[in-house]
Amino acid sequence: MTVPKTADPVSAVRPPIPRTVWVLGFVSLLMDISSEMIHAVLPLFMAGTLGASAVWIGITEGAGEGAALLSKVFSGVIADRFGHKKCLFALLRA
């Protein structure tokens, strides 16, 4: 007795990914690549064009990293206090 071939059961259950999701994913990829490229070249620009010393470049990079870490800490505290991450986004929009 032979078993008839059927379509993959997983693909039969899932709907196709919408075109908008593909476009937004591609845009997000390009934004990530561009920010990584700028982040790598920024110290060279600061030293070569602006004439900044290594100390000032370090201070600038440290301040940027510190601001990013502090915002993560405070947003985590707010999200924990409300219990839902969606409340944080509603608070930021208001």
PDB file of N, CA and C in Angstrom:
ATOM      1  N   MET A   1       0.842  -1.168   0.000  1.00  0.00           N
ATOM      2  CA  MET A   1       0.000   0.000   0.000  1.00  0.00           C
ATOM      3  C   MET A   1       0.892   1.237   0.000  1.00  0.00           C
ATOM      4  N   THR A   2       0.653   2.136  -0.898  1.00  0.00           N
ATOM      5  CA  THR A   2       1.455   3.351  -0.988  1.00  0.00           C
ATOM      6  C   THR A   2       0.702   4.511  -0.370  1.00  0.00           C
ATOM      7  N   VAL A   3       1.474   5.364   0.246  1.00  0.00           N
ATOM      8  CA  VAL A   3       0.893   6.549   0.875  1.00  0.00           C
ATOM      9  C   VAL A   3       0.990   7.694  -0.126  1.00  0.00           C
ATOM     10  N   PRO A   4      -0.123   8.362  -0.404  1.00  0.00           N
ATOM     11  CA  PRO A   4      -0.055   9.474  -1.367  1.00  0.00           C
ATOM     12  C   PRO A   4       0.740  10.644  -0.787  1.00  0.00           C
ATOM     13  N   LYS A   5       1.490  11.303  -1.678  1.00  0.00           N
ATOM     14  CA  LYS A   5       2.270  12.475  -1.258  1.00  0.00           C
ATOM     15  C   LYS A   5       1.334  13.667  -1.122  1.00  0.00           C
ATOM     16  N   THR A   6       1.461  14.328  -0.012  1.00  0.00           N
ATOM     17  CA  THR A   6       0.662  15.524   0.224  1.00  0.00           C
ATOM     18  C   THR A   6       1.595  16.697   0.431  1.00  0.00           C
ATOM     19  N   ALA A   7       1.039  17.848   0.471  1.00  0.00           N
ATOM     20  CA  ALA A   7       1.835  19.050   0.719  1.00  0.00           C
ATOM     21  C   ALA A   7       2.385  19.018   2.135  1.00  0.00           C
ATOM     22  N   ASP A   8       3.442  19.762   2.336  1.00  0.00           N
ATOM     23  CA  ASP A   8       4.054  19.856   3.660  1.00  0.00           C
ATOM     24  C   ASP A   8       3.009  20.385   4.642  1.00  0.00           C
ATOM     25  N   PRO A   9       2.745  19.675   5.754  1.00  0.00           N
ATOM     26  CA  PRO A   9       1.689  20.129   6.669  1.00  0.00           C
ATOM     27  C   PRO A   9       1.996  21.473   7.313  1.00  0.00           C
ATOM     28  N   VAL A  10       3.281  21.805   7.467  1.00  0.00           N
ATOM     29  CA  VAL A  10       3.623  23.085   8.084  1.00  0.00           C
ATOM     30  C   VAL A  10       3.275  24.234   7.151  1.00  0.00           C
ATOM     31  N   SER A  11       3.585  24.098   5.869  1.00  0.00           N
ATOM     32  CA  SER A  11       3.282  25.170   4.930  1.00  0.00           C
ATOM     33  C   SER A  11       1.788  25.297   4.685  1.00  0.00           C
ATOM     34  N   ALA A  12       1.041  24.230   4.906  1.00  0.00           N
ATOM     35  CA  ALA A  12      -0.399  24.297   4.730  1.00  0.00           C
ATOM     36  C   ALA A  12      -1.062  25.079   5.852  1.00  0.00           C
ATOM     37  N   VAL A  13      -0.411  25.151   7.017  1.00  0.00           N
ATOM     38  CA  VAL A  13      -1.002  25.825   8.166  1.00  0.00           C
ATOM     39  C   VAL A  13      -0.627  27.311   8.179  1.00  0.00           C
ATOM     40  N   ARG A  14       0.627  27.617   7.853  1.00  0.00           N
ATOM     41  CA  ARG A  14       1.095  29.003   7.930  1.00  0.00           C
ATOM     42  C   ARG A  14       0.726  29.804   6.689  1.00  0.00           C
ATOM     43  N   PRO A  15       0.239  31.020   6.887  1.00  0.00           N
ATOM     44  CA  PRO A  15       0.009  31.891   5.729  1.00  0.00           C
ATOM     45  C   PRO A  15       1.352  32.466   5.256  1.00  0.00           C
ATOM     46  N   PRO A  16       1.435  32.917   4.031  1.00  0.00           N
ATOM     47  CA  PRO A  16       2.697  33.492   3.560  1.00  0.00           C
ATOM     48  C   PRO A  16       3.014  34.800   4.287  1.00  0.00           C
ATOM     49  N   ILE A  17       4.289  35.113   4.363  1.00  0.00           N
ATOM     50  CA  ILE A  17       4.716  36.348   5.032  1.00  0.00           C
ATOM     51  C   ILE A  17       4.333  37.528   4.148  1.00  0.00           C
ATOM     52  N   PRO A  18       3.660  38.536   4.707  1.00  0.00           N
ATOM     53  CA  PRO A  18       3.226  39.683   3.895  1.00  0.00           C
ATOM     54  C   PRO A  18       4.420  40.460   3.318  1.00  0.00           C
ATOM     55  N   ARG A  19       4.171  41.097   2.214  1.00  0.00           N
ATOM     56  CA  ARG A  19       5.210  41.873   1.531  1.00  0.00           C
ATOM     57  C   ARG A  19       5.727  42.999   2.421  1.00  0.00           C
ATOM     58  N   THR A  20       4.865  43.606   3.201  1.00  0.00           N
ATOM     59  CA  THR A  20       5.259  44.695   4.081  1.00  0.00           C
ATOM     60  C   THR A  20       6.304  44.238   5.093  1.00  0.00           C
ATOM     61  N   VAL A  21       6.149  43.030   5.610  1.00  0.00           N
ATOM     62  CA  VAL A  21       7.108  42.501   6.576  1.00  0.00           C
ATOM     63  C   VAL A  21       8.465  42.320   5.923  1.00  0.00           C
ATOM     64  N   TRP A  22       8.480  41.820   4.682  1.00  0.00           N
ATOM     65  CA  TRP A  22       9.750  41.656   3.969  1.00  0.00           C
ATOM     66  C   TRP A  22      10.421  43.011   3.739  1.00  0.00           C
ATOM     67  N   VAL A  23       9.646  44.011   3.333  1.00  0.00           N
ATOM     68  CA  VAL A  23      10.204  45.336   3.061  1.00  0.00           C
ATOM     69  C   VAL A  23      10.749  45.950   4.344  1.00  0.00           C
ATOM     70  N   LEU A  24       9.991  45.882   5.433  1.00  0.00           N
ATOM     71  CA  LEU A  24      10.470  46.445   6.695  1.00  0.00           C
ATOM     72  C   LEU A  24      11.702  45.714   7.215  1.00  0.00           C
ATOM     73  N   GLY A  25      11.755  44.414   7.014  1.00  0.00           N
ATOM     74  CA  GLY A  25      12.941  43.663   7.409  1.00  0.00           C
ATOM     75  C   GLY A  25      14.161  44.072   6.615  1.00  0.00           C
ATOM     76  N   PHE A  26      13.991  44.286   5.317  1.00  0.00           N
ATOM     77  CA  PHE A  26      15.103  44.714   4.474  1.00  0.00           C
ATOM     78  C   PHE A  26      15.570  46.117   4.850  1.00  0.00           C
ATOM     79  N   VAL A  27      14.636  47.019   5.128  1.00  0.00           N
ATOM     80  CA  VAL A  27      14.984  48.373   5.554  1.00  0.00           C
ATOM     81  C   VAL A  27      15.718  48.337   6.896  1.00  0.00           C
ATOM     82  N   SER A  28      15.263  47.497   7.798  1.00  0.00           N
ATOM     83  CA  SER A  28      15.930  47.360   9.089  1.00  0.00           C
ATOM     84  C   SER A  28      17.354  46.837   8.913  1.00  0.00           C
ATOM     85  N   LEU A  29      17.538  45.893   8.011  1.00  0.00           N
ATOM     86  CA  LEU A  29      18.874  45.374   7.728  1.00  0.00           C
ATOM     87  C   LEU A  29      19.789  46.470   7.207  1.00  0.00           C
ATOM     88  N   LEU A  30      19.302  47.270   6.265  1.00  0.00           N
ATOM     89  CA  LEU A  30      20.111  48.354   5.721  1.00  0.00           C
ATOM     90  C   LEU A  30      20.438  49.408   6.778  1.00  0.00           C
ATOM     91  N   MET A  31      19.483  49.719   7.655  1.00  0.00           N
ATOM     92  CA  MET A  31      19.740  50.688   8.725  1.00  0.00           C
ATOM     93  C   MET A  31      20.800  50.166   9.686  1.00  0.00           C
ATOM     94  N   ASP A  32      20.743  48.888  10.002  1.00  0.00           N
ATOM     95  CA  ASP A  32      21.729  48.290  10.896  1.00  0.00           C
ATOM     96  C   ASP A  32      23.116  48.317  10.268  1.00  0.00           C
ATOM     97  N   ILE A  33      23.201  47.998   8.991  1.00  0.00           N
ATOM     98  CA  ILE A  33      24.494  48.031   8.298  1.00  0.00           C
ATOM     99  C   ILE A  33      25.045  49.445   8.278  1.00  0.00           C
ATOM    100  N   SER A  34      24.206  50.430   7.977  1.00  0.00           N
ATOM    101  CA  SER A  34      24.693  51.809   7.899  1.00  0.00           C
ATOM    102  C   SER A  34      25.145  52.326   9.260  1.00  0.00           C
ATOM    103  N   SER A  35      24.428  51.970  10.317  1.00  0.00           N
ATOM    104  CA  SER A  35      24.846  52.447  11.639  1.00  0.00           C
ATOM    105  C   SER A  35      26.152  51.787  12.068  1.00  0.00           C
ATOM    106  N   GLU A  36      26.344  50.520  11.717  1.00  0.00           N
ATOM    107  CA  GLU A  36      27.612  49.854  12.041  1.00  0.00           C
ATOM    108  C   GLU A  36      28.765  50.473  11.255  1.00  0.00           C
ATOM    109  N   MET A  37      28.509  50.862  10.009  1.00  0.00           N
ATOM    110  CA  MET A  37      29.560  51.490   9.212  1.00  0.00           C
ATOM    111  C   MET A  37      29.943  52.843   9.794  1.00  0.00           C
ATOM    112  N   ILE A  38      28.971  53.640  10.190  1.00  0.00           N
ATOM    113  CA  ILE A  38      29.254  54.963  10.750  1.00  0.00           C
ATOM    114  C   ILE A  38      29.952  54.829  12.091  1.00  0.00           C
ATOM    115  N   HIS A  39      29.525  53.868  12.889  1.00  0.00           N
ATOM    116  CA  HIS A  39      30.115  53.680  14.216  1.00  0.00           C
ATOM    117  C   HIS A  39      31.594  53.319  14.103  1.00  0.00           C
ATOM    118  N   ALA A  40      31.967  52.596  13.070  1.00  0.00           N
ATOM    119  CA  ALA A  40      33.365  52.213  12.893  1.00  0.00           C
ATOM    120  C   ALA A  40      34.222  53.377  12.395  1.00  0.00           C
ATOM    121  N   VAL A  41      33.654  54.290  11.626  1.00  0.00           N
ATOM    122  CA  VAL A  41      34.426  55.371  11.006  1.00  0.00           C
ATOM    123  C   VAL A  41      34.410  56.653  11.841  1.00  0.00           C
ATOM    124  N   LEU A  42      33.486  56.783  12.751  1.00  0.00           N
ATOM    125  CA  LEU A  42      33.340  58.015  13.526  1.00  0.00           C
ATOM    126  C   LEU A  42      34.609  58.427  14.277  1.00  0.00           C
ATOM    127  N   PRO A  43      35.320  57.538  14.980  1.00  0.00           N
ATOM    128  CA  PRO A  43      36.554  57.973  15.638  1.00  0.00           C
ATOM    129  C   PRO A  43      37.611  58.485  14.662  1.00  0.00           C
ATOM    130  N   LEU A  44      37.689  57.897  13.473  1.00  0.00           N
ATOM    131  CA  LEU A  44      38.638  58.389  12.469  1.00  0.00           C
ATOM    132  C   LEU A  44      38.265  59.789  12.006  1.00  0.00           C
ATOM    133  N   PHE A  45      36.977  60.027  11.821  1.00  0.00           N
ATOM    134  CA  PHE A  45      36.516  61.367  11.434  1.00  0.00           C
ATOM    135  C   PHE A  45      36.812  62.380  12.530  1.00  0.00           C
ATOM    136  N   MET A  46      36.556  61.992  13.777  1.00  0.00           N
ATOM    137  CA  MET A  46      36.790  62.920  14.884  1.00  0.00           C
ATOM    138  C   MET A  46      38.268  63.264  15.001  1.00  0.00           C
ATOM    139  N   ALA A  47      39.148  62.284  14.813  1.00  0.00           N
ATOM    140  CA  ALA A  47      40.581  62.526  14.948  1.00  0.00           C
ATOM    141  C   ALA A  47      41.142  63.258  13.730  1.00  0.00           C
ATOM    142  N   GLY A  48      40.761  62.815  12.541  1.00  0.00           N
ATOM    143  CA  GLY A  48      41.342  63.388  11.328  1.00  0.00           C
ATOM    144  C   GLY A  48      40.775  64.738  10.955  1.00  0.00           C
ATOM    145  N   THR A  49      39.470  64.860  10.906  1.00  0.00           N
ATOM    146  CA  THR A  49      38.830  66.079  10.432  1.00  0.00           C
ATOM    147  C   THR A  49      38.655  67.103  11.544  1.00  0.00           C
ATOM    148  N   LEU A  50      38.180  66.676  12.689  1.00  0.00           N
ATOM    149  CA  LEU A  50      37.916  67.607  13.780  1.00  0.00           C
ATOM    150  C   LEU A  50      39.134  67.859  14.654  1.00  0.00           C
ATOM    151  N   GLY A  51      40.149  66.991  14.548  1.00  0.00           N
ATOM    152  CA  GLY A  51      41.367  67.166  15.335  1.00  0.00           C
ATOM    153  C   GLY A  51      41.203  66.800  16.804  1.00  0.00           C
ATOM    154  N   ALA A  52      40.287  65.921  17.113  1.00  0.00           N
ATOM    155  CA  ALA A  52      40.064  65.534  18.503  1.00  0.00           C
ATOM    156  C   ALA A  52      41.166  64.577  18.956  1.00  0.00           C
ATOM    157  N   SER A  53      41.527  64.690  20.223  1.00  0.00           N
ATOM    158  CA  SER A  53      42.536  63.788  20.771  1.00  0.00           C
ATOM    159  C   SER A  53      41.886  62.462  21.165  1.00  0.00           C
ATOM    160  N   ALA A  54      42.724  61.498  21.471  1.00  0.00           N
ATOM    161  CA  ALA A  54      42.221  60.179  21.859  1.00  0.00           C
ATOM    162  C   ALA A  54      41.396  60.259  23.133  1.00  0.00           C
ATOM    163  N   VAL A  55      41.759  61.182  24.024  1.00  0.00           N
ATOM    164  CA  VAL A  55      41.013  61.341  25.279  1.00  0.00           C
ATOM    165  C   VAL A  55      39.586  61.804  24.991  1.00  0.00           C
ATOM    166  N   TRP A  56      39.421  62.790  24.102  1.00  0.00           N
ATOM    167  CA  TRP A  56      38.087  63.297  23.798  1.00  0.00           C
ATOM    168  C   TRP A  56      37.256  62.276  23.044  1.00  0.00           C
ATOM    169  N   ILE A  57      37.909  61.507  22.191  1.00  0.00           N
ATOM    170  CA  ILE A  57      37.188  60.437  21.493  1.00  0.00           C
ATOM    171  C   ILE A  57      36.693  59.404  22.502  1.00  0.00           C
ATOM    172  N   GLY A  58      37.534  59.061  23.478  1.00  0.00           N
ATOM    173  CA  GLY A  58      37.135  58.123  24.526  1.00  0.00           C
ATOM    174  C   GLY A  58      36.009  58.648  25.379  1.00  0.00           C
ATOM    175  N   ILE A  59      36.074  59.937  25.712  1.00  0.00           N
ATOM    176  CA  ILE A  59      35.009  60.554  26.519  1.00  0.00           C
ATOM    177  C   ILE A  59      33.685  60.537  25.750  1.00  0.00           C
ATOM    178  N   THR A  60      33.743  60.859  24.466  1.00  0.00           N
ATOM    179  CA  THR A  60      32.528  60.872  23.642  1.00  0.00           C
ATOM    180  C   THR A  60      31.936  59.475  23.519  1.00  0.00           C
ATOM    181  N   GLU A  61      32.788  58.491  23.241  1.00  0.00           N
ATOM    182  CA  GLU A  61      32.304  57.110  23.128  1.00  0.00           C
ATOM    183  C   GLU A  61      31.756  56.620  24.468  1.00  0.00           C
ATOM    184  N   GLY A  62      32.426  56.945  25.556  1.00  0.00           N
ATOM    185  CA  GLY A  62      31.961  56.541  26.879  1.00  0.00           C
ATOM    186  C   GLY A  62      30.631  57.179  27.251  1.00  0.00           C
ATOM    187  N   ALA A  63      30.466  58.452  26.896  1.00  0.00           N
ATOM    188  CA  ALA A  63      29.196  59.128  27.185  1.00  0.00           C
ATOM    189  C   ALA A  63      28.051  58.506  26.385  1.00  0.00           C
ATOM    190  N   GLY A  64      28.322  58.160  25.136  1.00  0.00           N
ATOM    191  CA  GLY A  64      27.288  57.517  24.316  1.00  0.00           C
ATOM    192  C   GLY A  64      26.895  56.156  24.855  1.00  0.00           C
ATOM    193  N   GLU A  65      27.891  55.356  25.218  1.00  0.00           N
ATOM    194  CA  GLU A  65      27.608  54.031  25.782  1.00  0.00           C
ATOM    195  C   GLU A  65      26.891  54.139  27.128  1.00  0.00           C
ATOM    196  N   GLY A  66      27.320  55.108  27.941  1.00  0.00           N
ATOM    197  CA  GLY A  66      26.681  55.307  29.241  1.00  0.00           C
ATOM    198  C   GLY A  66      25.230  55.723  29.108  1.00  0.00           C
ATOM    199  N   ALA A  67      24.953  56.609  28.167  1.00  0.00           N
ATOM    200  CA  ALA A  67      23.565  57.044  27.948  1.00  0.00           C
ATOM    201  C   ALA A  67      22.701  55.873  27.477  1.00  0.00           C
ATOM    202  N   ALA A  68      23.247  55.036  26.592  1.00  0.00           N
ATOM    203  CA  ALA A  68      22.487  53.880  26.119  1.00  0.00           C
ATOM    204  C   ALA A  68      22.212  52.907  27.259  1.00  0.00           C
ATOM    205  N   LEU A  69      23.201  52.656  28.112  1.00  0.00           N
ATOM    206  CA  LEU A  69      23.009  51.728  29.226  1.00  0.00           C
ATOM    207  C   LEU A  69      22.027  52.268  30.258  1.00  0.00           C
ATOM    208  N   LEU A  70      22.116  53.556  30.553  1.00  0.00           N
ATOM    209  CA  LEU A  70      21.176  54.152  31.513  1.00  0.00           C
ATOM    210  C   LEU A  70      19.740  54.105  30.996  1.00  0.00           C
ATOM    211  N   SER A  71      19.566  54.364  29.704  1.00  0.00           N
ATOM    212  CA  SER A  71      18.205  54.304  29.165  1.00  0.00           C
ATOM    213  C   SER A  71      17.658  52.875  29.219  1.00  0.00           C
ATOM    214  N   LYS A  72      18.526  51.872  29.021  1.00  0.00           N
ATOM    215  CA  LYS A  72      18.075  50.481  29.142  1.00  0.00           C
ATOM    216  C   LYS A  72      17.676  50.155  30.580  1.00  0.00           C
ATOM    217  N   VAL A  73      18.450  50.649  31.540  1.00  0.00           N
ATOM    218  CA  VAL A  73      18.140  50.379  32.939  1.00  0.00           C
ATOM    219  C   VAL A  73      16.807  51.016  33.324  1.00  0.00           C
ATOM    220  N   PHE A  74      16.638  52.299  32.991  1.00  0.00           N
ATOM    221  CA  PHE A  74      15.410  52.988  33.381  1.00  0.00           C
ATOM    222  C   PHE A  74      14.191  52.444  32.648  1.00  0.00           C
ATOM    223  N   SER A  75      14.341  52.083  31.370  1.00  0.00           N
ATOM    224  CA  SER A  75      13.190  51.511  30.674  1.00  0.00           C
ATOM    225  C   SER A  75      12.847  50.136  31.242  1.00  0.00           C
ATOM    226  N   GLY A  76      13.844  49.386  31.693  1.00  0.00           N
ATOM    227  CA  GLY A  76      13.575  48.097  32.338  1.00  0.00           C
ATOM    228  C   GLY A  76      12.849  48.256  33.654  1.00  0.00           C
ATOM    229  N   VAL A  77      13.247  49.259  34.430  1.00  0.00           N
ATOM    230  CA  VAL A  77      12.577  49.524  35.707  1.00  0.00           C
ATOM    231  C   VAL A  77      11.125  49.929  35.475  1.00  0.00           C
ATOM    232  N   ILE A  78      10.902  50.787  34.486  1.00  0.00           N
ATOM    233  CA  ILE A  78       9.538  51.225  34.186  1.00  0.00           C
ATOM    234  C   ILE A  78       8.688  50.049  33.706  1.00  0.00           C
ATOM    235  N   ALA A  79       9.270  49.208  32.835  1.00  0.00           N
ATOM    236  CA  ALA A  79       8.525  48.047  32.332  1.00  0.00           C
ATOM    237  C   ALA A  79       8.204  47.076  33.463  1.00  0.00           C
ATOM    238  N   ASP A  80       9.138  46.886  34.401  1.00  0.00           N
ATOM    239  CA  ASP A  80       8.880  46.000  35.531  1.00  0.00           C
ATOM    240  C   ASP A  80       7.815  46.574  36.459  1.00  0.00           C
ATOM    241  N   ARG A  81       7.828  47.867  36.643  1.00  0.00           N
ATOM    242  CA  ARG A  81       6.860  48.491  37.542  1.00  0.00           C
ATOM    243  C   ARG A  81       5.447  48.380  36.990  1.00  0.00           C
ATOM    244  N   PHE A  82       5.284  48.610  35.678  1.00  0.00           N
ATOM    245  CA  PHE A  82       3.958  48.516  35.081  1.00  0.00           C
ATOM    246  C   PHE A  82       3.542  47.076  34.848  1.00  0.00           C
ATOM    247  N   GLY A  83       4.507  46.179  34.704  1.00  0.00           N
ATOM    248  CA  GLY A  83       4.185  44.779  34.490  1.00  0.00           C
ATOM    249  C   GLY A  83       3.954  44.404  33.041  1.00  0.00           C
ATOM    250  N   HIS A  84       3.800  45.404  32.177  1.00  0.00           N
ATOM    251  CA  HIS A  84       3.586  45.147  30.758  1.00  0.00           C
ATOM    252  C   HIS A  84       4.478  46.081  29.957  1.00  0.00           C
ATOM    253  N   LYS A  85       5.121  45.539  28.959  1.00  0.00           N
ATOM    254  CA  LYS A  85       5.978  46.370  28.119  1.00  0.00           C
ATOM    255  C   LYS A  85       5.166  47.303  27.239  1.00  0.00           C
ATOM    256  N   LYS A  86       3.933  46.936  26.933  1.00  0.00           N
ATOM    257  CA  LYS A  86       3.103  47.791  26.101  1.00  0.00           C
ATOM    258  C   LYS A  86       2.802  49.115  26.799  1.00  0.00           C
ATOM    259  N   CYS A  87       2.722  49.110  28.104  1.00  0.00           N
ATOM    260  CA  CYS A  87       2.476  50.345  28.841  1.00  0.00           C
ATOM    261  C   CYS A  87       3.643  51.311  28.672  1.00  0.00           C
ATOM    262  N   LEU A  88       4.842  50.783  28.564  1.00  0.00           N
ATOM    263  CA  LEU A  88       6.016  51.638  28.386  1.00  0.00           C
ATOM    264  C   LEU A  88       5.928  52.378  27.063  1.00  0.00           C
ATOM    265  N   PHE A  89       5.521  51.687  25.995  1.00  0.00           N
ATOM    266  CA  PHE A  89       5.418  52.341  24.711  1.00  0.00           C
ATOM    267  C   PHE A  89       4.312  53.389  24.718  1.00  0.00           C
ATOM    268  N   ALA A  90       3.215  53.120  25.389  1.00  0.00           N
ATOM    269  CA  ALA A  90       2.129  54.092  25.495  1.00  0.00           C
ATOM    270  C   ALA A  90       2.585  55.310  26.284  1.00  0.00           C
ATOM    271  N   LEU A  91       3.409  55.088  27.315  1.00  0.00           N
ATOM    272  CA  LEU A  91       3.922  56.201  28.112  1.00  0.00           C
ATOM    273  C   LEU A  91       4.871  57.055  27.302  1.00  0.00           C
ATOM    274  N   LEU A  92       5.682  56.449  26.473  1.00  0.00           N
ATOM    275  CA  LEU A  92       6.644  57.206  25.668  1.00  0.00           C
ATOM    276  C   LEU A  92       5.957  58.000  24.569  1.00  0.00           C
ATOM    277  N   ARG A  93       4.841  57.493  24.055  1.00  0.00           N
ATOM    278  CA  ARG A  93       4.133  58.221  23.006  1.00  0.00           C
ATOM    279  C   ARG A  93       3.368  59.411  23.557  1.00  0.00           C
ATOM    280  N   ALA A  94       2.955  59.367  24.800  1.00  0.00           N
ATOM    281  CA  ALA A  94       2.121  60.443  25.361  1.00  0.00           C
ATOM    282  C   ALA A  94       2.954  61.662  25.713  1.00  0.00           C
TER     283      ALA A  94
END
